[in-house]
PDB file of N, CA and C in Angstrom:
ATOM      1  N   UNK A   1     105.211 103.652 111.847  1.00  0.00           N
ATOM      2  CA  UNK A   1     105.576 104.685 112.790  1.00  0.00           C
ATOM      3  C   UNK A   1     104.584 105.845 112.732  1.00  0.00           C
ATOM      4  N   UNK A   2     104.184 106.230 111.536  1.00  0.00           N
ATOM      5  CA  UNK A   2     103.294 107.385 111.393  1.00  0.00           C
ATOM      6  C   UNK A   2     101.988 107.189 112.154  1.00  0.00           C
ATOM      7  N   UNK A   3     101.499 105.975 112.224  1.00  0.00           N
ATOM      8  CA  UNK A   3     100.232 105.725 112.917  1.00  0.00           C
ATOM      9  C   UNK A   3     100.345 105.941 114.429  1.00  0.00           C
ATOM     10  N   UNK A   4     101.559 105.916 114.973  1.00  0.00           N
ATOM     11  CA  UNK A   4     101.765 106.131 116.404  1.00  0.00           C
ATOM     12  C   UNK A   4     101.861 107.608 116.761  1.00  0.00           C
ATOM     13  N   UNK A   5     101.904 108.472 115.746  1.00  0.00           N
ATOM     14  CA  UNK A   5     102.097 109.903 115.976  1.00  0.00           C
ATOM     15  C   UNK A   5     100.803 110.672 115.776  1.00  0.00           C
ATOM     16  N   UNK A   6     100.727 111.838 116.390  1.00  0.00           N
ATOM     17  CA  UNK A   6      99.547 112.701 116.289  1.00  0.00           C
ATOM     18  C   UNK A   6      99.852 113.882 115.375  1.00  0.00           C
ATOM     19  N   UNK A   7      98.816 114.567 114.946  1.00  0.00           N
ATOM     20  CA  UNK A   7      98.986 115.730 114.062  1.00  0.00           C
ATOM     21  C   UNK A   7      99.851 116.801 114.715  1.00  0.00           C
ATOM     22  N   UNK A   8      99.750 116.966 116.020  1.00  0.00           N
ATOM     23  CA  UNK A   8     100.561 117.979 116.705  1.00  0.00           C
ATOM     24  C   UNK A   8     102.041 117.612 116.786  1.00  0.00           C
ATOM     25  N   UNK A   9     102.398 116.384 116.385  1.00  0.00           N
ATOM     26  CA  UNK A   9     103.803 115.977 116.350  1.00  0.00           C
ATOM     27  C   UNK A   9     104.504 116.407 115.063  1.00  0.00           C
ATOM     28  N   UNK A  10     103.746 116.891 114.069  1.00  0.00           N
ATOM     29  CA  UNK A  10     104.362 117.329 112.812  1.00  0.00           C
ATOM     30  C   UNK A  10     105.438 118.374 113.082  1.00  0.00           C
ATOM     31  N   UNK A  11     106.532 118.250 112.360  1.00  0.00           N
ATOM     32  CA  UNK A  11     107.714 119.117 112.439  1.00  0.00           C
ATOM     33  C   UNK A  11     108.596 118.851 113.648  1.00  0.00           C
ATOM     34  N   UNK A  12     108.207 117.945 114.537  1.00  0.00           N
ATOM     35  CA  UNK A  12     109.092 117.581 115.646  1.00  0.00           C
ATOM     36  C   UNK A  12     110.133 116.591 115.128  1.00  0.00           C
ATOM     37  N   UNK A  13     111.244 116.510 115.835  1.00  0.00           N
ATOM     38  CA  UNK A  13     112.265 115.524 115.516  1.00  0.00           C
ATOM     39  C   UNK A  13     111.902 114.212 116.190  1.00  0.00           C
ATOM     40  N   UNK A  14     112.151 113.115 115.487  1.00  0.00           N
ATOM     41  CA  UNK A  14     111.950 111.792 116.059  1.00  0.00           C
ATOM     42  C   UNK A  14     113.284 111.051 115.966  1.00  0.00           C
ATOM     43  N   UNK A  15     113.769 110.601 117.125  1.00  0.00           N
ATOM     44  CA  UNK A  15     114.998 109.821 117.209  1.00  0.00           C
ATOM     45  C   UNK A  15     114.584 108.380 117.479  1.00  0.00           C
ATOM     46  N   UNK A  16     114.981 107.470 116.596  1.00  0.00           N
ATOM     47  CA  UNK A  16     114.565 106.070 116.692  1.00  0.00           C
ATOM     48  C   UNK A  16     115.790 105.176 116.823  1.00  0.00           C
ATOM     49  N   UNK A  17     115.754 104.259 117.796  1.00  0.00           N
ATOM     50  CA  UNK A  17     116.789 103.232 117.905  1.00  0.00           C
ATOM     51  C   UNK A  17     116.456 102.176 116.854  1.00  0.00           C
ATOM     52  N   UNK A  18     117.315 102.010 115.864  1.00  0.00           N
ATOM     53  CA  UNK A  18     117.004 101.114 114.748  1.00  0.00           C
ATOM     54  C   UNK A  18     116.987  99.646 115.153  1.00  0.00           C
ATOM     55  N   UNK A  19     117.580  99.307 116.293  1.00  0.00           N
ATOM     56  CA  UNK A  19     117.578  97.916 116.751  1.00  0.00           C
ATOM     57  C   UNK A  19     116.295  97.569 117.511  1.00  0.00           C
ATOM     58  N   UNK A  20     115.846  98.462 118.386  1.00  0.00           N
ATOM     59  CA  UNK A  20     114.718  98.144 119.267  1.00  0.00           C
ATOM     60  C   UNK A  20     113.400  98.787 118.839  1.00  0.00           C
ATOM     61  N   UNK A  21     113.470  99.858 118.064  1.00  0.00           N
ATOM     62  CA  UNK A  21     112.266 100.589 117.688  1.00  0.00           C
ATOM     63  C   UNK A  21     111.835 101.615 118.719  1.00  0.00           C
ATOM     64  N   UNK A  22     112.557 101.697 119.839  1.00  0.00           N
ATOM     65  CA  UNK A  22     112.259 102.731 120.834  1.00  0.00           C
ATOM     66  C   UNK A  22     112.483 104.093 120.197  1.00  0.00           C
ATOM     67  N   UNK A  23     111.703 105.084 120.627  1.00  0.00           N
ATOM     68  CA  UNK A  23     111.860 106.408 120.027  1.00  0.00           C
ATOM     69  C   UNK A  23     111.533 107.513 121.019  1.00  0.00           C
ATOM     70  N   UNK A  24     112.009 108.705 120.699  1.00  0.00           N
ATOM     71  CA  UNK A  24     111.725 109.917 121.460  1.00  0.00           C
ATOM     72  C   UNK A  24     111.386 111.025 120.487  1.00  0.00           C
ATOM     73  N   UNK A  25     110.462 111.885 120.873  1.00  0.00           N
ATOM     74  CA  UNK A  25     110.049 113.043 120.078  1.00  0.00           C
ATOM     75  C   UNK A  25     110.400 114.321 120.819  1.00  0.00           C
ATOM     76  N   UNK A  26     110.817 115.338 120.076  1.00  0.00           N
ATOM     77  CA  UNK A  26     111.053 116.646 120.682  1.00  0.00           C
ATOM     78  C   UNK A  26     111.140 117.691 119.585  1.00  0.00           C
ATOM     79  N   UNK A  27     110.908 118.940 119.945  1.00  0.00           N
ATOM     80  CA  UNK A  27     111.075 120.034 118.992  1.00  0.00           C
ATOM     81  C   UNK A  27     112.549 120.316 118.736  1.00  0.00           C
ATOM     82  N   UNK A  28     113.420 119.798 119.604  1.00  0.00           N
ATOM     83  CA  UNK A  28     114.865 119.974 119.492  1.00  0.00           C
ATOM     84  C   UNK A  28     115.511 118.623 119.187  1.00  0.00           C
ATOM     85  N   UNK A  29     116.313 118.555 118.134  1.00  0.00           N
ATOM     86  CA  UNK A  29     116.927 117.284 117.739  1.00  0.00           C
ATOM     87  C   UNK A  29     117.852 116.718 118.810  1.00  0.00           C
ATOM     88  N   UNK A  30     118.648 117.578 119.415  1.00  0.00           N
ATOM     89  CA  UNK A  30     119.596 117.137 120.436  1.00  0.00           C
ATOM     90  C   UNK A  30     118.858 116.557 121.647  1.00  0.00           C
ATOM     91  N   UNK A  31     117.781 117.193 122.058  1.00  0.00           N
ATOM     92  CA  UNK A  31     117.007 116.716 123.211  1.00  0.00           C
ATOM     93  C   UNK A  31     116.408 115.338 122.941  1.00  0.00           C
ATOM     94  N   UNK A  32     115.896 115.121 121.738  1.00  0.00           N
ATOM     95  CA  UNK A  32     115.308 113.821 121.397  1.00  0.00           C
ATOM     96  C   UNK A  32     116.360 112.716 121.446  1.00  0.00           C
ATOM     97  N   UNK A  33     117.525 112.974 120.864  1.00  0.00           N
ATOM     98  CA  UNK A  33     118.600 111.971 120.855  1.00  0.00           C
ATOM     99  C   UNK A  33     119.122 111.730 122.265  1.00  0.00           C
ATOM    100  N   UNK A  34     119.298 112.785 123.038  1.00  0.00           N
ATOM    101  CA  UNK A  34     119.806 112.651 124.408  1.00  0.00           C
ATOM    102  C   UNK A  34     118.871 111.806 125.263  1.00  0.00           C
ATOM    103  N   UNK A  35     117.565 112.060 125.179  1.00  0.00           N
ATOM    104  CA  UNK A  35     116.605 111.261 125.951  1.00  0.00           C
ATOM    105  C   UNK A  35     116.619 109.801 125.520  1.00  0.00           C
ATOM    106  N   UNK A  36     116.713 109.556 124.217  1.00  0.00           N
ATOM    107  CA  UNK A  36     116.763 108.177 123.732  1.00  0.00           C
ATOM    108  C   UNK A  36     118.013 107.476 124.247  1.00  0.00           C
ATOM    109  N   UNK A  37     119.147 108.170 124.235  1.00  0.00           N
ATOM    110  CA  UNK A  37     120.397 107.561 124.695  1.00  0.00           C
ATOM    111  C   UNK A  37     120.408 107.329 126.203  1.00  0.00           C
ATOM    112  N   UNK A  38     119.610 108.072 126.951  1.00  0.00           N
ATOM    113  CA  UNK A  38     119.508 107.812 128.393  1.00  0.00           C
ATOM    114  C   UNK A  38     118.846 106.462 128.643  1.00  0.00           C
ATOM    115  N   UNK A  39     117.821 106.147 127.861  1.00  0.00           N
ATOM    116  CA  UNK A  39     117.126 104.873 128.056  1.00  0.00           C
ATOM    117  C   UNK A  39     117.775 103.729 127.285  1.00  0.00           C
ATOM    118  N   UNK A  40     118.492 104.042 126.215  1.00  0.00           N
ATOM    119  CA  UNK A  40     119.165 103.037 125.380  1.00  0.00           C
ATOM    120  C   UNK A  40     120.577 103.536 125.071  1.00  0.00           C
ATOM    121  N   UNK A  41     121.520 103.396 126.015  1.00  0.00           N
ATOM    122  CA  UNK A  41     122.857 103.970 125.837  1.00  0.00           C
ATOM    123  C   UNK A  41     123.597 103.511 124.580  1.00  0.00           C
ATOM    124  N   UNK A  42     123.326 102.311 124.104  1.00  0.00           N
ATOM    125  CA  UNK A  42     124.045 101.817 122.922  1.00  0.00           C
ATOM    126  C   UNK A  42     123.215 101.947 121.645  1.00  0.00           C
ATOM    127  N   UNK A  43     122.228 102.822 121.663  1.00  0.00           N
ATOM    128  CA  UNK A  43     121.309 102.966 120.526  1.00  0.00           C
ATOM    129  C   UNK A  43     122.026 103.386 119.247  1.00  0.00           C
ATOM    130  N   UNK A  44     121.648 102.746 118.138  1.00  0.00           N
ATOM    131  CA  UNK A  44     122.018 103.211 116.802  1.00  0.00           C
ATOM    132  C   UNK A  44     120.849 104.079 116.369  1.00  0.00           C
ATOM    133  N   UNK A  45     121.076 105.389 116.310  1.00  0.00           N
ATOM    134  CA  UNK A  45     119.981 106.346 116.167  1.00  0.00           C
ATOM    135  C   UNK A  45     119.765 106.760 114.721  1.00  0.00           C
ATOM    136  N   UNK A  46     118.510 106.698 114.304  1.00  0.00           N
ATOM    137  CA  UNK A  46     118.061 107.304 113.044  1.00  0.00           C
ATOM    138  C   UNK A  46     117.256 108.521 113.446  1.00  0.00           C
ATOM    139  N   UNK A  47     117.566 109.677 112.850  1.00  0.00           N
ATOM    140  CA  UNK A  47     116.883 110.918 113.192  1.00  0.00           C
ATOM    141  C   UNK A  47     116.085 111.402 112.000  1.00  0.00           C
ATOM    142  N   UNK A  48     114.833 111.707 112.228  1.00  0.00           N
ATOM    143  CA  UNK A  48     113.972 112.217 111.170  1.00  0.00           C
ATOM    144  C   UNK A  48     113.121 113.352 111.690  1.00  0.00           C
ATOM    145  N   UNK A  49     112.345 113.920 110.795  1.00  0.00           N
ATOM    146  CA  UNK A  49     111.428 114.995 111.173  1.00  0.00           C
ATOM    147  C   UNK A  49     110.028 114.572 110.749  1.00  0.00           C
ATOM    148  N   UNK A  50     109.104 114.561 111.685  1.00  0.00           N
ATOM    149  CA  UNK A  50     107.748 114.078 111.447  1.00  0.00           C
ATOM    150  C   UNK A  50     107.058 114.935 110.383  1.00  0.00           C
ATOM    151  N   UNK A  51     106.512 114.254 109.372  1.00  0.00           N
ATOM    152  CA  UNK A  51     105.757 114.932 108.330  1.00  0.00           C
ATOM    153  C   UNK A  51     106.598 115.614 107.273  1.00  0.00           C
ATOM    154  N   UNK A  52     107.915 115.420 107.316  1.00  0.00           N
ATOM    155  CA  UNK A  52     108.809 116.070 106.356  1.00  0.00           C
ATOM    156  C   UNK A  52     109.609 115.010 105.596  1.00  0.00           C
ATOM    157  N   UNK A  53     109.960 115.280 104.340  1.00  0.00           N
ATOM    158  CA  UNK A  53     110.735 114.309 103.570  1.00  0.00           C
ATOM    159  C   UNK A  53     112.206 114.250 103.985  1.00  0.00           C
ATOM    160  N   UNK A  54     112.690 115.298 104.655  1.00  0.00           N
ATOM    161  CA  UNK A  54     114.094 115.338 105.075  1.00  0.00           C
ATOM    162  C   UNK A  54     114.179 115.932 106.480  1.00  0.00           C
ATOM    163  N   UNK A  55     115.227 115.562 107.207  1.00  0.00           N
ATOM    164  CA  UNK A  55     115.420 116.073 108.560  1.00  0.00           C
ATOM    165  C   UNK A  55     115.816 117.537 108.539  1.00  0.00           C
ATOM    166  N   UNK A  56     116.743 117.871 107.640  1.00  0.00           N
ATOM    167  CA  UNK A  56     117.236 119.242 107.522  1.00  0.00           C
ATOM    168  C   UNK A  56     117.165 119.684 106.076  1.00  0.00           C
ATOM    169  N   UNK A  57     117.138 120.978 105.881  1.00  0.00           N
ATOM    170  CA  UNK A  57     117.197 121.533 104.536  1.00  0.00           C
ATOM    171  C   UNK A  57     118.360 122.510 104.514  1.00  0.00           C
ATOM    172  N   UNK A  58     119.202 122.369 103.524  1.00  0.00           N
ATOM    173  CA  UNK A  58     120.352 123.262 103.389  1.00  0.00           C
ATOM    174  C   UNK A  58     120.142 124.140 102.171  1.00  0.00           C
ATOM    175  N   UNK A  59     120.355 125.422 102.362  1.00  0.00           N
ATOM    176  CA  UNK A  59     120.219 126.348 101.248  1.00  0.00           C
ATOM    177  C   UNK A  59     121.581 126.924 100.917  1.00  0.00           C
ATOM    178  N   UNK A  60     121.723 127.262  99.682  1.00  0.00           N
ATOM    179  CA  UNK A  60     122.974 127.843  99.219  1.00  0.00           C
ATOM    180  C   UNK A  60     123.096 129.265  99.759  1.00  0.00           C
ATOM    181  N   UNK A  61     124.236 129.578 100.363  1.00  0.00           N
ATOM    182  CA  UNK A  61     124.477 130.920 100.889  1.00  0.00           C
ATOM    183  C   UNK A  61     124.796 131.907  99.786  1.00  0.00           C
ATOM    184  N   UNK A  62     124.646 133.155 100.097  1.00  0.00           N
ATOM    185  CA  UNK A  62     124.946 134.193  99.102  1.00  0.00           C
ATOM    186  C   UNK A  62     126.058 135.063  99.575  1.00  0.00           C
TER     187      UNK A  62
END
């Protein structure tokens, strides 16, 4: 997957249909998933962030 992406895609969300391999990229997670579901309504979606080890980071509140 990484070879299909460009350096300017870093930090964007990538929504991937795990069955077909179809994917959508966007700076907004909801937009990426919504576009993928328009083309693949029954998609089983895996969501990641390009160039990052985790999609989200949670910090402890004070």
